[in-house]
Structures are given as structure tokens and as C-alpha cells.
Amino acid sequence: MKRQNKYRKFQLQQKNIEALEQQNTRFKRVYSEYENMSNELWNLENSNGEPVPDDFINAMILQTSYLENEIEDWLIQFNDKKAEIKH
């Protein structure tokens, strides 16, 4: 059984992400970078190939967390706007 990618934390908000990607090119670029980095991290941590220095992995984790925070901020704003429109 494959282990789940712990870096894929936005799967439940995919519809909102798709809407934001259509509205905002910066969001689309940031989310794309986040997906690429999270996939690369997953592959590095689960591969049996050459060992990768911890400093490199830690730097990638830090960068991924910055991207996550930025994406979360956008999603919160997006959800707030949707809630305002419904009222």
C-alpha cells in the first residue's frame, strides 16, 4: 500500500483552487510551484536512490511551508468573498 503524500494538504479545496487559478495568474504560478515542490519532496523522502543532504530537504520543506501559507491566505480570502456574496 502506498503512503499518502503528506504535502498534498489542499485536496479538499480543489474546486476553489481551480477557480482561483482561472482568476489570478500569480496564484496559479504559486500553486504550481507548490505542487512541484511537494511532489519532489515526496519523491526524495520515499526514494531508495542517492541520499539527499538534510539541509537541502529542510530548505525545500521551509519553502513549501511558505507557499502553503500564501495559498492558505488566498483560499481564506476567496472563501470570505464567497460567503459575502451568499448574504
N, C-alpha and C. Protein backbone atom coordinates (compact mmCIF):
# COMPACT_ATOMS: atom_id res chain seq x y z
N MET A 1 0.84 -1.19 0.00
CA MET A 1 0.00 0.00 0.00
C MET A 1 0.88 1.25 0.00
N LYS A 2 0.59 2.18 -0.88
CA LYS A 2 1.36 3.42 -0.95
C LYS A 2 1.00 4.35 0.19
N ARG A 3 2.01 5.01 0.72
CA ARG A 3 1.75 6.01 1.75
C ARG A 3 1.24 7.28 1.09
N GLN A 4 0.34 7.96 1.80
CA GLN A 4 -0.25 9.18 1.26
C GLN A 4 0.76 10.33 1.33
N ASN A 5 0.75 11.17 0.32
CA ASN A 5 1.65 12.33 0.27
C ASN A 5 1.17 13.36 1.28
N LYS A 6 1.95 13.55 2.34
CA LYS A 6 1.55 14.47 3.40
C LYS A 6 1.61 15.92 2.97
N TYR A 7 2.24 16.20 1.84
CA TYR A 7 2.36 17.57 1.36
C TYR A 7 1.16 18.02 0.53
N ARG A 8 0.25 17.12 0.26
CA ARG A 8 -0.92 17.44 -0.56
C ARG A 8 -2.09 17.81 0.34
N LYS A 9 -1.99 18.93 1.03
CA LYS A 9 -2.98 19.25 2.03
C LYS A 9 -4.18 20.02 1.51
N PHE A 10 -4.18 20.41 0.25
CA PHE A 10 -5.27 21.23 -0.28
C PHE A 10 -6.23 20.43 -1.17
N GLN A 11 -6.19 19.13 -1.11
CA GLN A 11 -7.01 18.29 -1.98
C GLN A 11 -8.50 18.54 -1.79
N LEU A 12 -8.94 18.85 -0.59
CA LEU A 12 -10.36 19.04 -0.34
C LEU A 12 -10.88 20.38 -0.86
N GLN A 13 -9.99 21.26 -1.24
CA GLN A 13 -10.40 22.58 -1.73
C GLN A 13 -10.11 22.74 -3.22
N GLN A 14 -10.10 21.63 -3.94
CA GLN A 14 -9.70 21.65 -5.34
C GLN A 14 -10.57 22.57 -6.22
N LYS A 15 -11.88 22.62 -5.95
CA LYS A 15 -12.75 23.49 -6.76
C LYS A 15 -12.40 24.95 -6.56
N ASN A 16 -12.14 25.35 -5.33
CA ASN A 16 -11.75 26.73 -5.06
C ASN A 16 -10.40 27.04 -5.68
N ILE A 17 -9.49 26.10 -5.64
CA ILE A 17 -8.17 26.29 -6.25
C ILE A 17 -8.31 26.47 -7.75
N GLU A 18 -9.13 25.66 -8.38
CA GLU A 18 -9.33 25.80 -9.84
C GLU A 18 -9.92 27.15 -10.18
N ALA A 19 -10.87 27.62 -9.39
CA ALA A 19 -11.46 28.94 -9.63
C ALA A 19 -10.42 30.04 -9.44
N LEU A 20 -9.61 29.94 -8.41
CA LEU A 20 -8.57 30.94 -8.18
C LEU A 20 -7.52 30.93 -9.29
N GLU A 21 -7.18 29.76 -9.77
CA GLU A 21 -6.20 29.66 -10.86
C GLU A 21 -6.71 30.38 -12.11
N GLN A 22 -8.01 30.32 -12.35
CA GLN A 22 -8.57 31.00 -13.51
C GLN A 22 -8.60 32.50 -13.32
N GLN A 23 -8.76 32.96 -12.08
CA GLN A 23 -8.88 34.38 -11.79
C GLN A 23 -7.55 35.08 -11.60
N ASN A 24 -6.53 34.37 -11.16
CA ASN A 24 -5.32 35.02 -10.70
C ASN A 24 -4.08 34.26 -11.20
N THR A 25 -3.32 34.87 -12.10
CA THR A 25 -2.14 34.20 -12.65
C THR A 25 -1.05 34.01 -11.60
N ARG A 26 -0.94 34.94 -10.66
CA ARG A 26 0.07 34.78 -9.59
C ARG A 26 -0.28 33.58 -8.73
N PHE A 27 -1.55 33.43 -8.36
CA PHE A 27 -1.95 32.27 -7.57
C PHE A 27 -1.64 30.99 -8.35
N LYS A 28 -1.96 30.99 -9.63
CA LYS A 28 -1.72 29.80 -10.45
C LYS A 28 -0.24 29.42 -10.44
N ARG A 29 0.63 30.42 -10.54
CA ARG A 29 2.07 30.16 -10.55
C ARG A 29 2.54 29.65 -9.18
N VAL A 30 2.06 30.27 -8.10
CA VAL A 30 2.44 29.86 -6.75
C VAL A 30 1.94 28.43 -6.48
N TYR A 31 0.70 28.14 -6.85
CA TYR A 31 0.16 26.81 -6.60
C TYR A 31 0.91 25.75 -7.43
N SER A 32 1.26 26.09 -8.65
CA SER A 32 2.01 25.17 -9.49
C SER A 32 3.39 24.88 -8.87
N GLU A 33 4.04 25.92 -8.38
CA GLU A 33 5.34 25.75 -7.72
C GLU A 33 5.18 24.88 -6.47
N TYR A 34 4.12 25.12 -5.71
CA TYR A 34 3.85 24.32 -4.51
C TYR A 34 3.67 22.84 -4.88
N GLU A 35 2.88 22.57 -5.90
CA GLU A 35 2.65 21.18 -6.32
C GLU A 35 3.95 20.52 -6.75
N ASN A 36 4.76 21.24 -7.53
CA ASN A 36 6.04 20.69 -7.98
C ASN A 36 6.96 20.38 -6.80
N MET A 37 7.05 21.33 -5.87
CA MET A 37 7.94 21.13 -4.72
C MET A 37 7.43 20.01 -3.80
N SER A 38 6.12 19.95 -3.59
CA SER A 38 5.59 18.90 -2.72
C SER A 38 5.79 17.52 -3.35
N ASN A 39 5.63 17.42 -4.67
CA ASN A 39 5.88 16.15 -5.35
C ASN A 39 7.35 15.76 -5.25
N GLU A 40 8.23 16.74 -5.44
CA GLU A 40 9.67 16.48 -5.37
C GLU A 40 10.07 16.05 -3.96
N LEU A 41 9.53 16.72 -2.95
CA LEU A 41 9.81 16.33 -1.57
C LEU A 41 9.35 14.90 -1.29
N TRP A 42 8.15 14.60 -1.74
CA TRP A 42 7.61 13.25 -1.56
C TRP A 42 8.53 12.22 -2.20
N ASN A 43 8.97 12.52 -3.41
CA ASN A 43 9.85 11.59 -4.12
C ASN A 43 11.19 11.44 -3.41
N LEU A 44 11.76 12.55 -2.94
CA LEU A 44 13.05 12.49 -2.25
C LEU A 44 12.95 11.69 -0.96
N GLU A 45 11.89 11.89 -0.21
CA GLU A 45 11.75 11.21 1.08
C GLU A 45 11.39 9.74 0.93
N ASN A 46 10.88 9.34 -0.22
CA ASN A 46 10.43 7.96 -0.40
C ASN A 46 11.23 7.19 -1.44
N SER A 47 12.35 7.75 -1.87
CA SER A 47 13.15 7.04 -2.87
C SER A 47 14.24 6.23 -2.19
N ASN A 48 14.73 5.25 -2.90
CA ASN A 48 15.83 4.42 -2.41
C ASN A 48 17.12 4.76 -3.12
N GLY A 49 17.14 5.90 -3.80
CA GLY A 49 18.32 6.30 -4.57
C GLY A 49 19.37 6.95 -3.70
N GLU A 50 20.15 7.82 -4.32
CA GLU A 50 21.21 8.55 -3.63
C GLU A 50 20.65 9.32 -2.44
N PRO A 51 21.33 9.29 -1.30
CA PRO A 51 20.87 10.08 -0.17
C PRO A 51 20.99 11.58 -0.47
N VAL A 52 20.03 12.34 0.02
CA VAL A 52 20.00 13.78 -0.19
C VAL A 52 20.32 14.44 1.15
N PRO A 53 21.17 15.48 1.15
CA PRO A 53 21.52 16.14 2.41
C PRO A 53 20.28 16.69 3.12
N ASP A 54 20.28 16.55 4.44
CA ASP A 54 19.16 17.05 5.25
C ASP A 54 18.95 18.55 5.05
N ASP A 55 20.04 19.30 4.90
CA ASP A 55 19.91 20.75 4.70
C ASP A 55 19.08 21.07 3.46
N PHE A 56 19.28 20.30 2.41
CA PHE A 56 18.53 20.51 1.17
C PHE A 56 17.05 20.22 1.38
N ILE A 57 16.77 19.08 2.02
CA ILE A 57 15.37 18.71 2.27
C ILE A 57 14.72 19.73 3.20
N ASN A 58 15.43 20.15 4.24
CA ASN A 58 14.88 21.14 5.17
C ASN A 58 14.58 22.47 4.47
N ALA A 59 15.44 22.88 3.56
CA ALA A 59 15.21 24.11 2.80
C ALA A 59 13.97 23.96 1.92
N MET A 60 13.79 22.80 1.32
CA MET A 60 12.61 22.55 0.50
C MET A 60 11.34 22.55 1.35
N ILE A 61 11.42 21.95 2.54
CA ILE A 61 10.27 21.93 3.44
C ILE A 61 9.91 23.35 3.85
N LEU A 62 10.91 24.17 4.15
CA LEU A 62 10.67 25.55 4.53
C LEU A 62 10.01 26.33 3.39
N GLN A 63 10.54 26.18 2.18
CA GLN A 63 9.96 26.88 1.03
C GLN A 63 8.53 26.40 0.77
N THR A 64 8.30 25.11 0.90
CA THR A 64 6.95 24.57 0.70
C THR A 64 5.99 25.13 1.74
N SER A 65 6.46 25.29 2.98
CA SER A 65 5.58 25.84 4.02
C SER A 65 5.25 27.31 3.75
N TYR A 66 6.19 28.07 3.21
CA TYR A 66 5.90 29.46 2.81
C TYR A 66 4.82 29.49 1.73
N LEU A 67 4.96 28.61 0.76
CA LEU A 67 3.96 28.54 -0.32
C LEU A 67 2.61 28.12 0.24
N GLU A 68 2.59 27.15 1.15
CA GLU A 68 1.33 26.72 1.78
C GLU A 68 0.65 27.88 2.48
N ASN A 69 1.42 28.67 3.22
CA ASN A 69 0.85 29.82 3.92
C ASN A 69 0.24 30.82 2.95
N GLU A 70 0.93 31.07 1.86
CA GLU A 70 0.41 32.00 0.86
C GLU A 70 -0.87 31.47 0.22
N ILE A 71 -0.88 30.19 -0.09
CA ILE A 71 -2.07 29.56 -0.68
C ILE A 71 -3.23 29.59 0.32
N GLU A 72 -2.95 29.29 1.59
CA GLU A 72 -3.99 29.33 2.61
C GLU A 72 -4.60 30.73 2.72
N ASP A 73 -3.76 31.76 2.68
CA ASP A 73 -4.26 33.14 2.74
C ASP A 73 -5.21 33.43 1.58
N TRP A 74 -4.82 33.01 0.38
CA TRP A 74 -5.68 33.22 -0.79
C TRP A 74 -7.00 32.47 -0.64
N LEU A 75 -6.93 31.24 -0.16
CA LEU A 75 -8.15 30.44 0.00
C LEU A 75 -9.08 31.04 1.05
N ILE A 76 -8.52 31.56 2.13
CA ILE A 76 -9.34 32.21 3.16
C ILE A 76 -10.04 33.43 2.57
N GLN A 77 -9.30 34.26 1.84
CA GLN A 77 -9.90 35.44 1.21
C GLN A 77 -10.97 35.02 0.21
N PHE A 78 -10.70 34.00 -0.57
CA PHE A 78 -11.65 33.52 -1.56
C PHE A 78 -12.93 33.03 -0.89
N ASN A 79 -12.78 32.24 0.19
CA ASN A 79 -13.94 31.74 0.90
C ASN A 79 -14.73 32.86 1.57
N ASP A 80 -14.03 33.88 2.08
CA ASP A 80 -14.70 35.03 2.69
C ASP A 80 -15.53 35.77 1.63
N LYS A 81 -14.98 35.94 0.45
CA LYS A 81 -15.72 36.62 -0.63
C LYS A 81 -16.94 35.82 -1.03
N LYS A 82 -16.80 34.49 -1.10
CA LYS A 82 -17.96 33.65 -1.43
C LYS A 82 -19.04 33.78 -0.37
N ALA A 83 -18.64 33.85 0.88
CA ALA A 83 -19.61 33.98 1.97
C ALA A 83 -20.33 35.33 1.90
N GLU A 84 -19.60 36.40 1.54
CA GLU A 84 -20.21 37.73 1.41
C GLU A 84 -21.23 37.74 0.28
N ILE A 85 -20.93 37.08 -0.81
CA ILE A 85 -21.83 37.05 -1.97
C ILE A 85 -23.13 36.33 -1.62
N LYS A 86 -23.04 35.28 -0.80
CA LYS A 86 -24.25 34.50 -0.43
C LYS A 86 -25.19 35.29 0.45
N HIS A 87 -24.66 36.26 1.24
CA HIS A 87 -25.53 37.03 2.17
C HIS A 87 -26.26 38.11 1.46
